[in-house]
Amino acid sequence: MTDKSILVEEFMTKKLITISLDTELKEVESLFEKHQIHHLLVVDDDNKTLLGVMSDRDYLKHVSPNLGTTRYVWNDLQSL
């Protein structure tokens, strides 16, 4: 550890990529791949209120509901 105080502002992502509640999952997948990111901010129609966060893990659980369970199989990997 250093004595220097480091502020979040110094290393946070400033170019935010957002989606709305009615964004289709194929668009979500495309944004994750295109920008090589793991989280998308879900905002209201005015882009002023944060409603939630969509993670790549949330997405993967939807397209492969067995992900993270003992029922997870090679076929699930193939679908991803």
PDB file of N, CA and C in Angstrom:
ATOM      1  N   MET A   1       0.835  -1.177   0.000  1.00  0.00           N
ATOM      2  CA  MET A   1       0.000   0.000   0.000  1.00  0.00           C
ATOM      3  C   MET A   1       0.883   1.245   0.000  1.00  0.00           C
ATOM      4  N   THR A   2       0.426   2.252  -0.676  1.00  0.00           N
ATOM      5  CA  THR A   2       1.158   3.514  -0.682  1.00  0.00           C
ATOM      6  C   THR A   2       0.442   4.525   0.198  1.00  0.00           C
ATOM      7  N   ASP A   3       1.150   5.570   0.549  1.00  0.00           N
ATOM      8  CA  ASP A   3       0.567   6.638   1.365  1.00  0.00           C
ATOM      9  C   ASP A   3      -0.305   7.558   0.522  1.00  0.00           C
ATOM     10  N   LYS A   4      -0.131   7.516  -0.774  1.00  0.00           N
ATOM     11  CA  LYS A   4      -0.870   8.410  -1.670  1.00  0.00           C
ATOM     12  C   LYS A   4      -2.355   8.037  -1.680  1.00  0.00           C
ATOM     13  N   SER A   5      -3.202   9.026  -1.533  1.00  0.00           N
ATOM     14  CA  SER A   5      -4.646   8.798  -1.632  1.00  0.00           C
ATOM     15  C   SER A   5      -5.032   8.740  -3.103  1.00  0.00           C
ATOM     16  N   ILE A   6      -5.736   7.687  -3.462  1.00  0.00           N
ATOM     17  CA  ILE A   6      -6.181   7.524  -4.840  1.00  0.00           C
ATOM     18  C   ILE A   6      -7.686   7.649  -4.857  1.00  0.00           C
ATOM     19  N   LEU A   7      -8.192   8.469  -5.746  1.00  0.00           N
ATOM     20  CA  LEU A   7      -9.625   8.679  -5.868  1.00  0.00           C
ATOM     21  C   LEU A   7     -10.201   7.801  -6.967  1.00  0.00           C
ATOM     22  N   VAL A   8     -11.413   7.349  -6.794  1.00  0.00           N
ATOM     23  CA  VAL A   8     -12.112   6.546  -7.798  1.00  0.00           C
ATOM     24  C   VAL A   8     -12.098   7.267  -9.140  1.00  0.00           C
ATOM     25  N   GLU A   9     -12.260   8.563  -9.104  1.00  0.00           N
ATOM     26  CA  GLU A   9     -12.297   9.405 -10.299  1.00  0.00           C
ATOM     27  C   GLU A   9     -11.087   9.189 -11.211  1.00  0.00           C
ATOM     28  N   GLU A  10      -9.979   8.810 -10.625  1.00  0.00           N
ATOM     29  CA  GLU A  10      -8.744   8.656 -11.387  1.00  0.00           C
ATOM     30  C   GLU A  10      -8.721   7.421 -12.285  1.00  0.00           C
ATOM     31  N   PHE A  11      -9.541   6.415 -12.000  1.00  0.00           N
ATOM     32  CA  PHE A  11      -9.469   5.197 -12.811  1.00  0.00           C
ATOM     33  C   PHE A  11     -10.820   4.639 -13.228  1.00  0.00           C
ATOM     34  N   MET A  12     -11.903   5.341 -12.895  1.00  0.00           N
ATOM     35  CA  MET A  12     -13.228   4.841 -13.270  1.00  0.00           C
ATOM     36  C   MET A  12     -13.477   4.989 -14.770  1.00  0.00           C
ATOM     37  N   THR A  13     -14.385   4.199 -15.272  1.00  0.00           N
ATOM     38  CA  THR A  13     -14.802   4.303 -16.661  1.00  0.00           C
ATOM     39  C   THR A  13     -15.725   5.502 -16.796  1.00  0.00           C
ATOM     40  N   LYS A  14     -15.421   6.365 -17.752  1.00  0.00           N
ATOM     41  CA  LYS A  14     -16.228   7.569 -17.920  1.00  0.00           C
ATOM     42  C   LYS A  14     -17.171   7.485 -19.110  1.00  0.00           C
ATOM     43  N   LYS A  15     -16.827   6.649 -20.071  1.00  0.00           N
ATOM     44  CA  LYS A  15     -17.705   6.463 -21.222  1.00  0.00           C
ATOM     45  C   LYS A  15     -18.647   5.306 -20.894  1.00  0.00           C
ATOM     46  N   LEU A  16     -19.855   5.639 -20.479  1.00  0.00           N
ATOM     47  CA  LEU A  16     -20.795   4.622 -20.033  1.00  0.00           C
ATOM     48  C   LEU A  16     -21.624   4.087 -21.191  1.00  0.00           C
ATOM     49  N   ILE A  17     -21.870   2.816 -21.156  1.00  0.00           N
ATOM     50  CA  ILE A  17     -22.727   2.177 -22.148  1.00  0.00           C
ATOM     51  C   ILE A  17     -23.991   1.760 -21.413  1.00  0.00           C
ATOM     52  N   THR A  18     -25.118   2.269 -21.875  1.00  0.00           N
ATOM     53  CA  THR A  18     -26.375   2.029 -21.183  1.00  0.00           C
ATOM     54  C   THR A  18     -27.371   1.316 -22.087  1.00  0.00           C
ATOM     55  N   ILE A  19     -28.335   0.683 -21.434  1.00  0.00           N
ATOM     56  CA  ILE A  19     -29.447   0.049 -22.131  1.00  0.00           C
ATOM     57  C   ILE A  19     -30.727   0.450 -21.403  1.00  0.00           C
ATOM     58  N   SER A  20     -31.864   0.193 -22.042  1.00  0.00           N
ATOM     59  CA  SER A  20     -33.152   0.468 -21.410  1.00  0.00           C
ATOM     60  C   SER A  20     -33.830  -0.856 -21.071  1.00  0.00           C
ATOM     61  N   LEU A  21     -34.944  -0.764 -20.373  1.00  0.00           N
ATOM     62  CA  LEU A  21     -35.663  -1.972 -19.987  1.00  0.00           C
ATOM     63  C   LEU A  21     -36.178  -2.762 -21.184  1.00  0.00           C
ATOM     64  N   ASP A  22     -36.385  -2.096 -22.313  1.00  0.00           N
ATOM     65  CA  ASP A  22     -36.924  -2.792 -23.476  1.00  0.00           C
ATOM     66  C   ASP A  22     -35.851  -3.170 -24.500  1.00  0.00           C
ATOM     67  N   THR A  23     -34.580  -3.138 -24.104  1.00  0.00           N
ATOM     68  CA  THR A  23     -33.501  -3.575 -24.996  1.00  0.00           C
ATOM     69  C   THR A  23     -33.582  -5.084 -25.174  1.00  0.00           C
ATOM     70  N   GLU A  24     -33.486  -5.547 -26.409  1.00  0.00           N
ATOM     71  CA  GLU A  24     -33.546  -6.979 -26.689  1.00  0.00           C
ATOM     72  C   GLU A  24     -32.231  -7.653 -26.309  1.00  0.00           C
ATOM     73  N   LEU A  25     -32.332  -8.925 -25.909  1.00  0.00           N
ATOM     74  CA  LEU A  25     -31.144  -9.655 -25.464  1.00  0.00           C
ATOM     75  C   LEU A  25     -30.079  -9.784 -26.552  1.00  0.00           C
ATOM     76  N   LYS A  26     -30.482  -9.846 -27.813  1.00  0.00           N
ATOM     77  CA  LYS A  26     -29.469  -9.935 -28.868  1.00  0.00           C
ATOM     78  C   LYS A  26     -28.627  -8.660 -28.916  1.00  0.00           C
ATOM     79  N   GLU A  27     -29.226  -7.516 -28.572  1.00  0.00           N
ATOM     80  CA  GLU A  27     -28.494  -6.251 -28.495  1.00  0.00           C
ATOM     81  C   GLU A  27     -27.542  -6.266 -27.299  1.00  0.00           C
ATOM     82  N   VAL A  28     -27.997  -6.809 -26.174  1.00  0.00           N
ATOM     83  CA  VAL A  28     -27.156  -6.937 -24.982  1.00  0.00           C
ATOM     84  C   VAL A  28     -25.921  -7.768 -25.310  1.00  0.00           C
ATOM     85  N   GLU A  29     -26.142  -8.906 -25.941  1.00  0.00           N
ATOM     86  CA  GLU A  29     -25.017  -9.773 -26.331  1.00  0.00           C
ATOM     87  C   GLU A  29     -24.047  -9.021 -27.228  1.00  0.00           C
ATOM     88  N   SER A  30     -24.582  -8.304 -28.192  1.00  0.00           N
ATOM     89  CA  SER A  30     -23.760  -7.546 -29.127  1.00  0.00           C
ATOM     90  C   SER A  30     -22.913  -6.488 -28.404  1.00  0.00           C
ATOM     91  N   LEU A  31     -23.502  -5.791 -27.452  1.00  0.00           N
ATOM     92  CA  LEU A  31     -22.768  -4.761 -26.711  1.00  0.00           C
ATOM     93  C   LEU A  31     -21.662  -5.374 -25.857  1.00  0.00           C
ATOM     94  N   PHE A  32     -21.939  -6.492 -25.203  1.00  0.00           N
ATOM     95  CA  PHE A  32     -20.902  -7.164 -24.424  1.00  0.00           C
ATOM     96  C   PHE A  32     -19.725  -7.541 -25.311  1.00  0.00           C
ATOM     97  N   GLU A  33     -20.007  -8.101 -26.453  1.00  0.00           N
ATOM     98  CA  GLU A  33     -18.943  -8.532 -27.359  1.00  0.00           C
ATOM     99  C   GLU A  33     -18.211  -7.357 -27.984  1.00  0.00           C
ATOM    100  N   LYS A  34     -18.955  -6.394 -28.481  1.00  0.00           N
ATOM    101  CA  LYS A  34     -18.358  -5.243 -29.180  1.00  0.00           C
ATOM    102  C   LYS A  34     -17.427  -4.438 -28.281  1.00  0.00           C
ATOM    103  N   HIS A  35     -17.848  -4.218 -27.045  1.00  0.00           N
ATOM    104  CA  HIS A  35     -17.085  -3.349 -26.150  1.00  0.00           C
ATOM    105  C   HIS A  35     -16.221  -4.110 -25.150  1.00  0.00           C
ATOM    106  N   GLN A  36     -16.286  -5.457 -25.189  1.00  0.00           N
ATOM    107  CA  GLN A  36     -15.491  -6.283 -24.273  1.00  0.00           C
ATOM    108  C   GLN A  36     -15.685  -5.830 -22.820  1.00  0.00           C
ATOM    109  N   ILE A  37     -16.960  -5.743 -22.419  1.00  0.00           N
ATOM    110  CA  ILE A  37     -17.317  -5.318 -21.073  1.00  0.00           C
ATOM    111  C   ILE A  37     -18.113  -6.418 -20.385  1.00  0.00           C
ATOM    112  N   HIS A  38     -18.334  -6.253 -19.093  1.00  0.00           N
ATOM    113  CA  HIS A  38     -19.034  -7.270 -18.321  1.00  0.00           C
ATOM    114  C   HIS A  38     -20.317  -6.752 -17.676  1.00  0.00           C
ATOM    115  N   HIS A  39     -20.561  -5.429 -17.758  1.00  0.00           N
ATOM    116  CA  HIS A  39     -21.749  -4.855 -17.137  1.00  0.00           C
ATOM    117  C   HIS A  39     -22.315  -3.739 -18.006  1.00  0.00           C
ATOM    118  N   LEU A  40     -23.644  -3.684 -18.045  1.00  0.00           N
ATOM    119  CA  LEU A  40     -24.345  -2.603 -18.728  1.00  0.00           C
ATOM    120  C   LEU A  40     -25.279  -1.940 -17.720  1.00  0.00           C
ATOM    121  N   LEU A  41     -25.320  -0.620 -17.757  1.00  0.00           N
ATOM    122  CA  LEU A  41     -26.219   0.109 -16.871  1.00  0.00           C
ATOM    123  C   LEU A  41     -27.591   0.195 -17.520  1.00  0.00           C
ATOM    124  N   VAL A  42     -28.626  -0.142 -16.754  1.00  0.00           N
ATOM    125  CA  VAL A  42     -30.004  -0.063 -17.241  1.00  0.00           C
ATOM    126  C   VAL A  42     -30.576   1.249 -16.727  1.00  0.00           C
ATOM    127  N   VAL A  43     -30.989   2.114 -17.668  1.00  0.00           N
ATOM    128  CA  VAL A  43     -31.489   3.439 -17.298  1.00  0.00           C
ATOM    129  C   VAL A  43     -32.906   3.653 -17.816  1.00  0.00           C
ATOM    130  N   ASP A  44     -33.562   4.675 -17.265  1.00  0.00           N
ATOM    131  CA  ASP A  44     -34.911   5.004 -17.721  1.00  0.00           C
ATOM    132  C   ASP A  44     -34.853   5.641 -19.103  1.00  0.00           C
ATOM    133  N   ASP A  45     -36.007   5.970 -19.653  1.00  0.00           N
ATOM    134  CA  ASP A  45     -36.074   6.502 -21.016  1.00  0.00           C
ATOM    135  C   ASP A  45     -35.376   7.854 -21.178  1.00  0.00           C
ATOM    136  N   ASP A  46     -35.209   8.588 -20.079  1.00  0.00           N
ATOM    137  CA  ASP A  46     -34.533   9.889 -20.145  1.00  0.00           C
ATOM    138  C   ASP A  46     -33.033   9.782 -19.869  1.00  0.00           C
ATOM    139  N   ASN A  47     -32.549   8.577 -19.658  1.00  0.00           N
ATOM    140  CA  ASN A  47     -31.133   8.338 -19.314  1.00  0.00           C
ATOM    141  C   ASN A  47     -30.705   9.104 -18.075  1.00  0.00           C
ATOM    142  N   LYS A  48     -31.632   9.330 -17.150  1.00  0.00           N
ATOM    143  CA  LYS A  48     -31.306  10.092 -15.945  1.00  0.00           C
ATOM    144  C   LYS A  48     -31.327   9.250 -14.681  1.00  0.00           C
ATOM    145  N   THR A  49     -32.071   8.155 -14.699  1.00  0.00           N
ATOM    146  CA  THR A  49     -32.205   7.347 -13.493  1.00  0.00           C
ATOM    147  C   THR A  49     -31.677   5.942 -13.734  1.00  0.00           C
ATOM    148  N   LEU A  50     -30.771   5.529 -12.885  1.00  0.00           N
ATOM    149  CA  LEU A  50     -30.240   4.171 -12.951  1.00  0.00           C
ATOM    150  C   LEU A  50     -31.269   3.221 -12.356  1.00  0.00           C
ATOM    151  N   LEU A  51     -31.705   2.257 -13.168  1.00  0.00           N
ATOM    152  CA  LEU A  51     -32.706   1.288 -12.728  1.00  0.00           C
ATOM    153  C   LEU A  51     -32.076  -0.027 -12.280  1.00  0.00           C
ATOM    154  N   GLY A  52     -30.881  -0.316 -12.779  1.00  0.00           N
ATOM    155  CA  GLY A  52     -30.227  -1.563 -12.427  1.00  0.00           C
ATOM    156  C   GLY A  52     -28.977  -1.780 -13.257  1.00  0.00           C
ATOM    157  N   VAL A  53     -28.406  -2.944 -13.095  1.00  0.00           N
ATOM    158  CA  VAL A  53     -27.192  -3.334 -13.817  1.00  0.00           C
ATOM    159  C   VAL A  53     -27.421  -4.709 -14.414  1.00  0.00           C
ATOM    160  N   MET A  54     -27.082  -4.858 -15.685  1.00  0.00           N
ATOM    161  CA  MET A  54     -27.164  -6.150 -16.367  1.00  0.00           C
ATOM    162  C   MET A  54     -25.726  -6.641 -16.537  1.00  0.00           C
ATOM    163  N   SER A  55     -25.421  -7.772 -15.920  1.00  0.00           N
ATOM    164  CA  SER A  55     -24.072  -8.319 -16.045  1.00  0.00           C
ATOM    165  C   SER A  55     -24.043  -9.383 -17.130  1.00  0.00           C
ATOM    166  N   ASP A  56     -22.838  -9.676 -17.593  1.00  0.00           N
ATOM    167  CA  ASP A  56     -22.711 -10.754 -18.570  1.00  0.00           C
ATOM    168  C   ASP A  56     -23.148 -12.069 -17.929  1.00  0.00           C
ATOM    169  N   ARG A  57     -22.987 -12.189 -16.639  1.00  0.00           N
ATOM    170  CA  ARG A  57     -23.418 -13.396 -15.927  1.00  0.00           C
ATOM    171  C   ARG A  57     -24.949 -13.505 -15.935  1.00  0.00           C
ATOM    172  N   ASP A  58     -25.632 -12.363 -15.743  1.00  0.00           N
ATOM    173  CA  ASP A  58     -27.099 -12.350 -15.835  1.00  0.00           C
ATOM    174  C   ASP A  58     -27.535 -12.844 -17.211  1.00  0.00           C
ATOM    175  N   TYR A  59     -26.862 -12.329 -18.231  1.00  0.00           N
ATOM    176  CA  TYR A  59     -27.180 -12.718 -19.602  1.00  0.00           C
ATOM    177  C   TYR A  59     -26.964 -14.221 -19.804  1.00  0.00           C
ATOM    178  N   LEU A  60     -25.812 -14.711 -19.360  1.00  0.00           N
ATOM    179  CA  LEU A  60     -25.494 -16.127 -19.543  1.00  0.00           C
ATOM    180  C   LEU A  60     -26.473 -17.028 -18.798  1.00  0.00           C
ATOM    181  N   LYS A  61     -26.909 -16.603 -17.621  1.00  0.00           N
ATOM    182  CA  LYS A  61     -27.891 -17.400 -16.870  1.00  0.00           C
ATOM    183  C   LYS A  61     -29.209 -17.488 -17.622  1.00  0.00           C
ATOM    184  N   HIS A  62     -29.539 -16.432 -18.366  1.00  0.00           N
ATOM    185  CA  HIS A  62     -30.785 -16.470 -19.124  1.00  0.00           C
ATOM    186  C   HIS A  62     -30.690 -17.417 -20.316  1.00  0.00           C
ATOM    187  N   VAL A  63     -29.574 -17.340 -21.046  1.00  0.00           N
ATOM    188  CA  VAL A  63     -29.454 -18.182 -22.237  1.00  0.00           C
ATOM    189  C   VAL A  63     -29.072 -19.618 -21.890  1.00  0.00           C
ATOM    190  N   SER A  64     -28.548 -19.836 -20.694  1.00  0.00           N
ATOM    191  CA  SER A  64     -28.204 -21.172 -20.238  1.00  0.00           C
ATOM    192  C   SER A  64     -28.634 -21.292 -18.779  1.00  0.00           C
ATOM    193  N   PRO A  65     -29.912 -21.605 -18.541  1.00  0.00           N
ATOM    194  CA  PRO A  65     -30.440 -21.608 -17.174  1.00  0.00           C
ATOM    195  C   PRO A  65     -29.748 -22.573 -16.217  1.00  0.00           C
ATOM    196  N   ASN A  66     -29.010 -23.545 -16.732  1.00  0.00           N
ATOM    197  CA  ASN A  66     -28.324 -24.498 -15.859  1.00  0.00           C
ATOM    198  C   ASN A  66     -26.935 -24.029 -15.432  1.00  0.00           C
ATOM    199  N   LEU A  67     -26.513 -22.874 -15.944  1.00  0.00           N
ATOM    200  CA  LEU A  67     -25.189 -22.339 -15.626  1.00  0.00           C
ATOM    201  C   LEU A  67     -25.028 -22.211 -14.117  1.00  0.00           C
ATOM    202  N   GLY A  68     -23.924 -22.728 -13.596  1.00  0.00           N
ATOM    203  CA  GLY A  68     -23.647 -22.637 -12.175  1.00  0.00           C
ATOM    204  C   GLY A  68     -24.327 -23.698 -11.329  1.00  0.00           C
ATOM    205  N   THR A  69     -25.008 -24.643 -11.970  1.00  0.00           N
ATOM    206  CA  THR A  69     -25.664 -25.710 -11.218  1.00  0.00           C
ATOM    207  C   THR A  69     -25.039 -27.048 -11.587  1.00  0.00           C
ATOM    208  N   THR A  70     -25.427 -28.078 -10.876  1.00  0.00           N
ATOM    209  CA  THR A  70     -24.911 -29.412 -11.198  1.00  0.00           C
ATOM    210  C   THR A  70     -25.489 -29.931 -12.504  1.00  0.00           C
ATOM    211  N   ARG A  71     -26.536 -29.273 -13.020  1.00  0.00           N
ATOM    212  CA  ARG A  71     -27.143 -29.703 -14.281  1.00  0.00           C
ATOM    213  C   ARG A  71     -26.432 -29.099 -15.495  1.00  0.00           C
ATOM    214  N   TYR A  72     -25.470 -28.228 -15.242  1.00  0.00           N
ATOM    215  CA  TYR A  72     -24.723 -27.584 -16.318  1.00  0.00           C
ATOM    216  C   TYR A  72     -23.962 -28.643 -17.114  1.00  0.00           C
ATOM    217  N   VAL A  73     -24.155 -28.667 -18.411  1.00  0.00           N
ATOM    218  CA  VAL A  73     -23.530 -29.691 -19.245  1.00  0.00           C
ATOM    219  C   VAL A  73     -22.849 -29.071 -20.446  1.00  0.00           C
ATOM    220  N   TRP A  74     -22.127 -29.880 -21.164  1.00  0.00           N
ATOM    221  CA  TRP A  74     -21.395 -29.423 -22.344  1.00  0.00           C
ATOM    222  C   TRP A  74     -22.323 -28.753 -23.356  1.00  0.00           C
ATOM    223  N   ASN A  75     -23.552 -29.221 -23.486  1.00  0.00           N
ATOM    224  CA  ASN A  75     -24.504 -28.607 -24.427  1.00  0.00           C
ATOM    225  C   ASN A  75     -24.757 -27.150 -24.088  1.00  0.00           C
ATOM    226  N   ASP A  76     -24.772 -26.820 -22.805  1.00  0.00           N
ATOM    227  CA  ASP A  76     -24.953 -25.439 -22.403  1.00  0.00           C
ATOM    228  C   ASP A  76     -23.764 -24.596 -22.888  1.00  0.00           C
ATOM    229  N   LEU A  77     -22.569 -25.120 -22.753  1.00  0.00           N
ATOM    230  CA  LEU A  77     -21.393 -24.407 -23.240  1.00  0.00           C
ATOM    231  C   LEU A  77     -21.507 -24.150 -24.734  1.00  0.00           C
ATOM    232  N   GLN A  78     -21.988 -25.110 -25.475  1.00  0.00           N
ATOM    233  CA  GLN A  78     -22.113 -24.967 -26.910  1.00  0.00           C
ATOM    234  C   GLN A  78     -23.116 -23.869 -27.260  1.00  0.00           C
ATOM    235  N   SER A  79     -24.184 -23.742 -26.488  1.00  0.00           N
ATOM    236  CA  SER A  79     -25.195 -22.725 -26.781  1.00  0.00           C
ATOM    237  C   SER A  79     -24.688 -21.321 -26.506  1.00  0.00           C
ATOM    238  N   LEU A  80     -23.687 -21.217 -25.641  1.00  0.00           N
ATOM    239  CA  LEU A  80     -23.126 -19.900 -25.340  1.00  0.00           C
ATOM    240  C   LEU A  80     -22.195 -19.458 -26.438  1.00  0.00           C
TER     241      LEU A  80
END
